Every structure is written in C-alpha cells, then in structure tokens.
Amino acid sequence: IKPQALNEITIQLDTQRDLIKNNKESTVEEKASAIDKLIKTAARIAEAIDKAQTNEEVKNLKNKVLMKFLKYYLLLKLNQLQEMKFIKKQKLFAD
C-alpha cells in the first residue's frame, strides 16, 4: 500500500509543480521558491509514509496530503478568478 500511496502523491506533486511553473502571475524567483518548498514537502511526506506502521496510517497520511493539495489548487483557482474579475472591472472603468 505504501508504493501506491507514494505514487498517488507523486502524481499530485507533479501536478502542483506544473501549476507553479505555468503560473503567469509569479516571478521566476517565486516559482523557484514554491517548487523548492514542494520538493521539501515531498521528502517529508515520503519519510512519514515510510515510517507508517499500518496501512491505516498510510491511508490517513495519503488522504491528508491529497486534501492539502486540493485546498491549494482551489485557492489558486479562486485567486485567478478574483484577478480576472479585477481586470474586467479595470477595463470597464477605463472605457
């Protein structure tokens, strides 16, 4: 169960990394910092899963991590929507 959990988390880590890389609002430095944090987080996750004693612990860790990724993704999308609304308002008042 540990390899499967690590695989699922790795897929999400890759998705998060791609989101960071493709974020047009962030600077190169901000992207590098975010990716560095993501790599460090991945290492901590792998260590925690490796230390887990039971399948239940592995499942709980996996679910906790995946929920955090989902929250991050939703916050990113919310921020993008707010930015789009702000730009539309600016254009509306500029005309």
N, C-alpha and C. Protein backbone atom coordinates (compact mmCIF):
# COMPACT_ATOMS: atom_id res chain seq x y z
N ILE A 1 0.83 -1.20 0.00
CA ILE A 1 0.00 0.00 0.00
C ILE A 1 0.87 1.27 0.00
N LYS A 2 2.07 1.17 0.57
CA LYS A 2 2.96 2.34 0.60
C LYS A 2 3.35 2.80 -0.80
N PRO A 3 3.76 1.87 -1.69
CA PRO A 3 4.12 2.32 -3.04
C PRO A 3 2.95 2.98 -3.78
N GLN A 4 1.76 2.44 -3.59
CA GLN A 4 0.58 3.01 -4.24
C GLN A 4 0.30 4.42 -3.71
N ALA A 5 0.40 4.60 -2.41
CA ALA A 5 0.18 5.91 -1.81
C ALA A 5 1.22 6.91 -2.30
N LEU A 6 2.48 6.48 -2.34
CA LEU A 6 3.54 7.37 -2.83
C LEU A 6 3.32 7.73 -4.29
N ASN A 7 2.85 6.78 -5.09
CA ASN A 7 2.57 7.04 -6.49
C ASN A 7 1.47 8.08 -6.66
N GLU A 8 0.38 7.92 -5.90
CA GLU A 8 -0.73 8.88 -5.98
C GLU A 8 -0.27 10.28 -5.57
N ILE A 9 0.53 10.34 -4.53
CA ILE A 9 1.02 11.63 -4.05
C ILE A 9 2.00 12.23 -5.06
N THR A 10 2.84 11.39 -5.66
CA THR A 10 3.77 11.88 -6.67
C THR A 10 3.04 12.49 -7.85
N ILE A 11 1.96 11.87 -8.27
CA ILE A 11 1.16 12.42 -9.36
C ILE A 11 0.66 13.81 -8.99
N GLN A 12 0.18 13.97 -7.76
CA GLN A 12 -0.31 15.28 -7.31
C GLN A 12 0.83 16.29 -7.19
N LEU A 13 1.98 15.83 -6.72
CA LEU A 13 3.14 16.73 -6.64
C LEU A 13 3.52 17.24 -8.02
N ASP A 14 3.51 16.34 -9.00
CA ASP A 14 3.83 16.73 -10.37
C ASP A 14 2.81 17.74 -10.89
N THR A 15 1.56 17.52 -10.57
CA THR A 15 0.51 18.46 -10.98
C THR A 15 0.73 19.83 -10.35
N GLN A 16 1.05 19.84 -9.06
CA GLN A 16 1.30 21.10 -8.37
C GLN A 16 2.51 21.81 -8.97
N ARG A 17 3.56 21.06 -9.25
CA ARG A 17 4.75 21.64 -9.86
C ARG A 17 4.41 22.29 -11.21
N ASP A 18 3.60 21.61 -12.00
CA ASP A 18 3.20 22.15 -13.30
C ASP A 18 2.37 23.42 -13.13
N LEU A 19 1.49 23.42 -12.14
CA LEU A 19 0.69 24.63 -11.87
C LEU A 19 1.60 25.81 -11.51
N ILE A 20 2.60 25.53 -10.70
CA ILE A 20 3.53 26.58 -10.29
C ILE A 20 4.30 27.09 -11.51
N LYS A 21 4.83 26.17 -12.30
CA LYS A 21 5.62 26.56 -13.48
C LYS A 21 4.80 27.37 -14.47
N ASN A 22 3.52 27.06 -14.60
CA ASN A 22 2.66 27.72 -15.59
C ASN A 22 1.95 28.96 -15.06
N ASN A 23 2.20 29.31 -13.82
CA ASN A 23 1.56 30.48 -13.23
C ASN A 23 2.20 31.74 -13.82
N LYS A 24 1.44 32.46 -14.60
CA LYS A 24 1.95 33.65 -15.29
C LYS A 24 2.09 34.86 -14.37
N GLU A 25 1.46 34.80 -13.21
CA GLU A 25 1.50 35.93 -12.28
C GLU A 25 2.75 35.93 -11.41
N SER A 26 3.43 34.80 -11.33
CA SER A 26 4.59 34.68 -10.43
C SER A 26 5.89 34.97 -11.16
N THR A 27 6.84 35.49 -10.39
CA THR A 27 8.17 35.72 -10.93
C THR A 27 8.95 34.40 -10.95
N VAL A 28 10.08 34.40 -11.63
CA VAL A 28 10.93 33.21 -11.68
C VAL A 28 11.37 32.83 -10.27
N GLU A 29 11.71 33.84 -9.47
CA GLU A 29 12.16 33.59 -8.10
C GLU A 29 11.04 32.99 -7.25
N GLU A 30 9.82 33.51 -7.40
CA GLU A 30 8.68 32.98 -6.64
C GLU A 30 8.40 31.54 -7.04
N LYS A 31 8.48 31.26 -8.33
CA LYS A 31 8.26 29.89 -8.79
C LYS A 31 9.32 28.96 -8.23
N ALA A 32 10.58 29.39 -8.27
CA ALA A 32 11.68 28.56 -7.76
C ALA A 32 11.50 28.29 -6.27
N SER A 33 11.10 29.30 -5.53
CA SER A 33 10.87 29.14 -4.10
C SER A 33 9.73 28.16 -3.83
N ALA A 34 8.65 28.30 -4.57
CA ALA A 34 7.50 27.42 -4.39
C ALA A 34 7.85 25.98 -4.73
N ILE A 35 8.60 25.79 -5.80
CA ILE A 35 9.00 24.43 -6.20
C ILE A 35 9.94 23.84 -5.16
N ASP A 36 10.84 24.67 -4.62
CA ASP A 36 11.74 24.19 -3.57
C ASP A 36 10.95 23.73 -2.35
N LYS A 37 9.94 24.50 -1.96
CA LYS A 37 9.09 24.11 -0.83
C LYS A 37 8.34 22.81 -1.14
N LEU A 38 7.90 22.68 -2.37
CA LEU A 38 7.19 21.48 -2.80
C LEU A 38 8.10 20.25 -2.70
N ILE A 39 9.35 20.39 -3.11
CA ILE A 39 10.31 19.29 -3.05
C ILE A 39 10.57 18.90 -1.60
N LYS A 40 10.73 19.89 -0.73
CA LYS A 40 10.96 19.60 0.69
C LYS A 40 9.74 18.93 1.31
N THR A 41 8.56 19.38 0.92
CA THR A 41 7.32 18.77 1.40
C THR A 41 7.24 17.32 0.94
N ALA A 42 7.61 17.07 -0.30
CA ALA A 42 7.58 15.71 -0.84
C ALA A 42 8.49 14.78 -0.04
N ALA A 43 9.66 15.29 0.32
CA ALA A 43 10.59 14.48 1.10
C ALA A 43 10.02 14.14 2.47
N ARG A 44 9.38 15.13 3.11
CA ARG A 44 8.76 14.88 4.43
C ARG A 44 7.61 13.88 4.31
N ILE A 45 6.84 13.99 3.24
CA ILE A 45 5.72 13.07 3.03
C ILE A 45 6.24 11.65 2.84
N ALA A 46 7.25 11.50 2.00
CA ALA A 46 7.81 10.16 1.74
C ALA A 46 8.36 9.56 3.03
N GLU A 47 9.01 10.37 3.83
CA GLU A 47 9.57 9.88 5.10
C GLU A 47 8.44 9.45 6.04
N ALA A 48 7.40 10.25 6.13
CA ALA A 48 6.27 9.93 7.01
C ALA A 48 5.59 8.63 6.57
N ILE A 49 5.42 8.47 5.27
CA ILE A 49 4.79 7.24 4.78
C ILE A 49 5.69 6.04 5.04
N ASP A 50 6.99 6.23 4.84
CA ASP A 50 7.93 5.14 5.09
C ASP A 50 7.90 4.70 6.56
N LYS A 51 7.72 5.66 7.46
CA LYS A 51 7.70 5.35 8.89
C LYS A 51 6.35 4.81 9.37
N ALA A 52 5.32 4.96 8.57
CA ALA A 52 3.99 4.49 8.97
C ALA A 52 4.03 3.00 9.27
N GLN A 53 3.37 2.62 10.35
CA GLN A 53 3.41 1.23 10.82
C GLN A 53 2.26 0.39 10.28
N THR A 54 1.15 1.03 9.93
CA THR A 54 -0.02 0.29 9.49
C THR A 54 -0.55 0.85 8.19
N ASN A 55 -1.34 0.05 7.51
CA ASN A 55 -2.00 0.51 6.28
C ASN A 55 -2.92 1.69 6.57
N GLU A 56 -3.54 1.66 7.73
CA GLU A 56 -4.45 2.76 8.11
C GLU A 56 -3.67 4.08 8.23
N GLU A 57 -2.49 4.03 8.82
CA GLU A 57 -1.66 5.23 8.92
C GLU A 57 -1.30 5.75 7.53
N VAL A 58 -0.94 4.84 6.64
CA VAL A 58 -0.58 5.23 5.27
C VAL A 58 -1.78 5.89 4.58
N LYS A 59 -2.95 5.27 4.71
CA LYS A 59 -4.16 5.84 4.09
C LYS A 59 -4.46 7.22 4.66
N ASN A 60 -4.35 7.37 5.97
CA ASN A 60 -4.62 8.67 6.58
C ASN A 60 -3.65 9.74 6.11
N LEU A 61 -2.37 9.39 6.04
CA LEU A 61 -1.37 10.34 5.55
C LEU A 61 -1.65 10.73 4.10
N LYS A 62 -1.92 9.72 3.28
CA LYS A 62 -2.21 9.98 1.86
C LYS A 62 -3.41 10.90 1.72
N ASN A 63 -4.49 10.60 2.43
CA ASN A 63 -5.69 11.42 2.33
C ASN A 63 -5.45 12.84 2.83
N LYS A 64 -4.70 12.98 3.89
CA LYS A 64 -4.38 14.30 4.43
C LYS A 64 -3.60 15.13 3.40
N VAL A 65 -2.62 14.50 2.80
CA VAL A 65 -1.80 15.20 1.80
C VAL A 65 -2.64 15.57 0.57
N LEU A 66 -3.43 14.63 0.09
CA LEU A 66 -4.24 14.91 -1.10
C LEU A 66 -5.25 16.02 -0.83
N MET A 67 -5.79 16.09 0.38
CA MET A 67 -6.72 17.17 0.73
C MET A 67 -6.00 18.52 0.74
N LYS A 68 -4.76 18.54 1.23
CA LYS A 68 -4.00 19.79 1.22
C LYS A 68 -3.75 20.25 -0.21
N PHE A 69 -3.42 19.31 -1.09
CA PHE A 69 -3.22 19.68 -2.50
C PHE A 69 -4.50 20.22 -3.11
N LEU A 70 -5.62 19.60 -2.78
CA LEU A 70 -6.90 20.06 -3.31
C LEU A 70 -7.20 21.48 -2.81
N LYS A 71 -6.95 21.74 -1.54
CA LYS A 71 -7.17 23.08 -0.99
C LYS A 71 -6.29 24.11 -1.69
N TYR A 72 -5.02 23.75 -1.90
CA TYR A 72 -4.09 24.65 -2.59
C TYR A 72 -4.59 24.94 -4.00
N TYR A 73 -5.00 23.89 -4.71
CA TYR A 73 -5.49 24.05 -6.08
C TYR A 73 -6.72 24.96 -6.11
N LEU A 74 -7.64 24.73 -5.20
CA LEU A 74 -8.86 25.55 -5.16
C LEU A 74 -8.54 27.01 -4.83
N LEU A 75 -7.61 27.23 -3.91
CA LEU A 75 -7.21 28.60 -3.60
C LEU A 75 -6.56 29.27 -4.80
N LEU A 76 -5.74 28.53 -5.52
CA LEU A 76 -5.10 29.08 -6.71
C LEU A 76 -6.16 29.47 -7.74
N LYS A 77 -7.12 28.62 -7.97
CA LYS A 77 -8.19 28.91 -8.93
C LYS A 77 -9.03 30.10 -8.47
N LEU A 78 -9.32 30.17 -7.18
CA LEU A 78 -10.08 31.29 -6.65
C LEU A 78 -9.32 32.60 -6.86
N ASN A 79 -8.03 32.59 -6.61
CA ASN A 79 -7.21 33.79 -6.82
C ASN A 79 -7.20 34.18 -8.29
N GLN A 80 -7.15 33.20 -9.18
CA GLN A 80 -7.18 33.51 -10.61
C GLN A 80 -8.51 34.13 -11.01
N LEU A 81 -9.60 33.61 -10.46
CA LEU A 81 -10.92 34.18 -10.76
C LEU A 81 -11.03 35.61 -10.24
N GLN A 82 -10.53 35.85 -9.04
CA GLN A 82 -10.57 37.19 -8.47
C GLN A 82 -9.73 38.15 -9.31
N GLU A 83 -8.60 37.69 -9.79
CA GLU A 83 -7.75 38.51 -10.65
C GLU A 83 -8.46 38.84 -11.95
N MET A 84 -9.15 37.86 -12.52
CA MET A 84 -9.88 38.10 -13.76
C MET A 84 -10.99 39.12 -13.55
N LYS A 85 -11.71 39.02 -12.43
CA LYS A 85 -12.77 39.99 -12.12
C LYS A 85 -12.18 41.38 -11.95
N PHE A 86 -11.04 41.49 -11.29
CA PHE A 86 -10.38 42.77 -11.08
C PHE A 86 -9.98 43.39 -12.42
N ILE A 87 -9.43 42.59 -13.31
CA ILE A 87 -9.03 43.09 -14.63
C ILE A 87 -10.24 43.55 -15.42
N LYS A 88 -11.34 42.79 -15.35
CA LYS A 88 -12.57 43.19 -16.05
C LYS A 88 -13.08 44.52 -15.52
N LYS A 89 -13.05 44.71 -14.20
CA LYS A 89 -13.50 45.97 -13.62
C LYS A 89 -12.62 47.12 -14.08
N GLN A 90 -11.31 46.88 -14.12
CA GLN A 90 -10.40 47.93 -14.57
C GLN A 90 -10.71 48.31 -16.02
N LYS A 91 -10.95 47.34 -16.85
CA LYS A 91 -11.27 47.61 -18.26
C LYS A 91 -12.60 48.34 -18.37
N LEU A 92 -13.54 47.97 -17.54
CA LEU A 92 -14.87 48.60 -17.56
C LEU A 92 -14.76 50.08 -17.23
N PHE A 93 -13.96 50.41 -16.21
CA PHE A 93 -13.82 51.80 -15.81
C PHE A 93 -12.88 52.57 -16.71
N ALA A 94 -12.05 51.89 -17.47
CA ALA A 94 -11.11 52.56 -18.37
C ALA A 94 -11.81 53.03 -19.65
N ASP A 95 -12.91 52.37 -19.99
CA ASP A 95 -13.62 52.73 -21.23
C ASP A 95 -14.42 53.98 -21.10
